[in-house]
Amino acid sequence: MAAKIKKGDKVVVMAGRDKGRTGEVRQVMPNEGRAIVAGVNLVRRHTRQTPQTEGGILTKEAPIHLSNLAIADPKSGKPTRVGFKILDDGRKVRVAKRSGDLIDG
């Protein structure tokens, strides 16, 4: 199955503490069904000091489930579903259902 959400996509959070926030996908973990989105689902971790890193309370992005994310429409920036289309040259591209625009360049 083709991936609907990929690294570098602009996404909108649909549920949870960060509902309505947008960000860019930094990493997708397809086996867990989760993604890390820049600036979204921030958690604070108390870490012990090591020779490589300084200790203290660090803020970092936690993975968020793919079902709580929707691609942002390239035209309006609103959440949209993703469809697929095969172009004349044989390429399979993702299409925003809301506007009909191509998501893949």
C-alpha atoms as a PDB file:
ATOM      1  CA  MET A   1       0.000   0.000   0.000  1.00  0.00           C
ATOM      2  CA  ALA A   2       1.234   3.479  -0.824  1.00  0.00           C
ATOM      3  CA  ALA A   3       1.954   5.775   2.104  1.00  0.00           C
ATOM      4  CA  LYS A   4      -0.524   8.594   2.627  1.00  0.00           C
ATOM      5  CA  ILE A   5       1.722  10.570   4.997  1.00  0.00           C
ATOM      6  CA  LYS A   6       5.417  10.940   4.225  1.00  0.00           C
ATOM      7  CA  LYS A   7       8.427  12.749   5.670  1.00  0.00           C
ATOM      8  CA  GLY A   8       8.328  16.454   4.802  1.00  0.00           C
ATOM      9  CA  ASP A   9       4.519  16.676   4.480  1.00  0.00           C
ATOM     10  CA  LYS A  10       2.633  19.527   6.125  1.00  0.00           C
ATOM     11  CA  VAL A  11       0.024  17.982   8.418  1.00  0.00           C
ATOM     12  CA  VAL A  12      -2.791  19.141  10.719  1.00  0.00           C
ATOM     13  CA  VAL A  13      -3.407  17.465  14.086  1.00  0.00           C
ATOM     14  CA  MET A  14      -7.036  16.311  14.250  1.00  0.00           C
ATOM     15  CA  ALA A  15      -7.298  15.061  17.841  1.00  0.00           C
ATOM     16  CA  GLY A  16      -5.682  15.336  21.234  1.00  0.00           C
ATOM     17  CA  ARG A  17      -3.925  18.053  23.174  1.00  0.00           C
ATOM     18  CA  ASP A  18      -2.507  19.739  20.050  1.00  0.00           C
ATOM     19  CA  LYS A  19      -5.717  19.621  17.969  1.00  0.00           C
ATOM     20  CA  GLY A  20      -5.664  22.205  15.175  1.00  0.00           C
ATOM     21  CA  ARG A  21      -1.885  22.716  15.207  1.00  0.00           C
ATOM     22  CA  THR A  22       0.112  22.238  12.017  1.00  0.00           C
ATOM     23  CA  GLY A  23       3.659  21.094  11.463  1.00  0.00           C
ATOM     24  CA  GLU A  24       6.035  19.271   9.169  1.00  0.00           C
ATOM     25  CA  VAL A  25       6.540  15.512   9.472  1.00  0.00           C
ATOM     26  CA  ARG A  26      10.110  14.820  10.598  1.00  0.00           C
ATOM     27  CA  GLN A  27       9.920  11.025  10.707  1.00  0.00           C
ATOM     28  CA  VAL A  28       7.355   8.323   9.943  1.00  0.00           C
ATOM     29  CA  MET A  29       7.362   4.973  11.747  1.00  0.00           C
ATOM     30  CA  PRO A  30       5.115   2.779   9.560  1.00  0.00           C
ATOM     31  CA  ASN A  31       5.507  -0.355  11.698  1.00  0.00           C
ATOM     32  CA  GLU A  32       4.154   1.462  14.774  1.00  0.00           C
ATOM     33  CA  GLY A  33       1.713   3.605  12.759  1.00  0.00           C
ATOM     34  CA  ARG A  34       3.151   6.801  14.219  1.00  0.00           C
ATOM     35  CA  ALA A  35       4.939   9.953  13.085  1.00  0.00           C
ATOM     36  CA  ILE A  36       7.014  12.692  14.683  1.00  0.00           C
ATOM     37  CA  VAL A  37       5.778  16.192  13.773  1.00  0.00           C
ATOM     38  CA  ALA A  38       7.873  19.318  14.356  1.00  0.00           C
ATOM     39  CA  GLY A  39       6.561  21.408  17.269  1.00  0.00           C
ATOM     40  CA  VAL A  40       3.651  19.075  18.035  1.00  0.00           C
ATOM     41  CA  ASN A  41       3.082  16.672  20.980  1.00  0.00           C
ATOM     42  CA  LEU A  42       5.940  18.107  23.029  1.00  0.00           C
ATOM     43  CA  VAL A  43       6.868  16.195  26.174  1.00  0.00           C
ATOM     44  CA  ARG A  44       9.356  16.978  28.932  1.00  0.00           C
ATOM     45  CA  ARG A  45      11.872  14.322  29.914  1.00  0.00           C
ATOM     46  CA  HIS A  46      14.093  14.351  32.984  1.00  0.00           C
ATOM     47  CA  THR A  47      17.466  13.062  31.819  1.00  0.00           C
ATOM     48  CA  ARG A  48      20.582  12.135  33.731  1.00  0.00           C
ATOM     49  CA  GLN A  49      23.857  13.779  32.758  1.00  0.00           C
ATOM     50  CA  THR A  50      26.246  11.674  30.665  1.00  0.00           C
ATOM     51  CA  PRO A  51      29.707  12.495  29.295  1.00  0.00           C
ATOM     52  CA  GLN A  52      28.081  13.293  25.905  1.00  0.00           C
ATOM     53  CA  THR A  53      24.919  15.147  26.987  1.00  0.00           C
ATOM     54  CA  GLU A  54      24.002  17.595  29.688  1.00  0.00           C
ATOM     55  CA  GLY A  55      21.334  16.523  32.173  1.00  0.00           C
ATOM     56  CA  GLY A  56      18.173  18.349  33.116  1.00  0.00           C
ATOM     57  CA  ILE A  57      14.625  18.637  31.835  1.00  0.00           C
ATOM     58  CA  LEU A  58      14.592  18.343  28.045  1.00  0.00           C
ATOM     59  CA  THR A  59      11.620  19.107  25.796  1.00  0.00           C
ATOM     60  CA  LYS A  60      11.257  16.915  22.738  1.00  0.00           C
ATOM     61  CA  GLU A  61       8.635  15.757  20.249  1.00  0.00           C
ATOM     62  CA  ALA A  62       6.890  12.473  20.991  1.00  0.00           C
ATOM     63  CA  PRO A  63       5.410  10.303  18.226  1.00  0.00           C
ATOM     64  CA  ILE A  64       1.744  10.876  17.387  1.00  0.00           C
ATOM     65  CA  HIS A  65      -0.569   8.272  15.865  1.00  0.00           C
ATOM     66  CA  LEU A  66      -1.174   8.575  12.106  1.00  0.00           C
ATOM     67  CA  SER A  67      -4.948   8.399  12.631  1.00  0.00           C
ATOM     68  CA  ASN A  68      -4.739  11.752  14.436  1.00  0.00           C
ATOM     69  CA  LEU A  69      -3.020  13.468  11.498  1.00  0.00           C
ATOM     70  CA  ALA A  70      -4.400  14.786   8.212  1.00  0.00           C
ATOM     71  CA  ILE A  71      -2.492  16.223   5.262  1.00  0.00           C
ATOM     72  CA  ALA A  72      -2.841  20.004   4.923  1.00  0.00           C
ATOM     73  CA  ASP A  73      -4.397  20.988   1.588  1.00  0.00           C
ATOM     74  CA  PRO A  74      -1.735  22.629  -0.642  1.00  0.00           C
ATOM     75  CA  LYS A  75      -4.244  25.341  -1.667  1.00  0.00           C
ATOM     76  CA  SER A  76      -5.989  26.293   1.598  1.00  0.00           C
ATOM     77  CA  GLY A  77      -3.945  24.650   4.371  1.00  0.00           C
ATOM     78  CA  LYS A  78      -7.080  22.978   5.743  1.00  0.00           C
ATOM     79  CA  PRO A  79      -7.087  19.242   6.544  1.00  0.00           C
ATOM     80  CA  THR A  80      -7.859  16.969   3.613  1.00  0.00           C
ATOM     81  CA  ARG A  81      -8.055  13.297   2.799  1.00  0.00           C
ATOM     82  CA  VAL A  82      -5.609  11.762   0.349  1.00  0.00           C
ATOM     83  CA  GLY A  83      -6.427  10.054  -2.924  1.00  0.00           C
ATOM     84  CA  PHE A  84      -4.203   8.563  -5.594  1.00  0.00           C
ATOM     85  CA  LYS A  85      -4.051   9.250  -9.315  1.00  0.00           C
ATOM     86  CA  ILE A  86      -1.940   7.791 -12.097  1.00  0.00           C
ATOM     87  CA  LEU A  87      -0.645  10.464 -14.447  1.00  0.00           C
ATOM     88  CA  ASP A  88      -0.245  10.113 -18.215  1.00  0.00           C
ATOM     89  CA  ASP A  89       3.489   9.421 -17.815  1.00  0.00           C
ATOM     90  CA  GLY A  90       2.713   6.465 -15.495  1.00  0.00           C
ATOM     91  CA  ARG A  91       3.617   8.102 -12.166  1.00  0.00           C
ATOM     92  CA  LYS A  92       1.338   7.432  -9.179  1.00  0.00           C
ATOM     93  CA  VAL A  93       0.837  10.657  -7.226  1.00  0.00           C
ATOM     94  CA  ARG A  94      -1.092  11.702  -4.128  1.00  0.00           C
ATOM     95  CA  VAL A  95      -4.022  14.068  -4.647  1.00  0.00           C
ATOM     96  CA  ALA A  96      -5.833  16.248  -2.084  1.00  0.00           C
ATOM     97  CA  LYS A  97      -9.528  15.258  -2.051  1.00  0.00           C
ATOM     98  CA  ARG A  98     -10.596  18.747  -0.896  1.00  0.00           C
ATOM     99  CA  SER A  99      -9.149  20.766  -3.796  1.00  0.00           C
ATOM    100  CA  GLY A 100      -7.982  18.153  -6.297  1.00  0.00           C
ATOM    101  CA  ASP A 101      -4.415  19.546  -6.195  1.00  0.00           C
ATOM    102  CA  LEU A 102      -1.372  17.295  -6.409  1.00  0.00           C
ATOM    103  CA  ILE A 103       0.430  16.785  -3.089  1.00  0.00           C
ATOM    104  CA  ASP A 104       3.535  15.275  -4.708  1.00  0.00           C
ATOM    105  CA  GLY A 105       5.446  17.718  -6.920  1.00  0.00           C
END
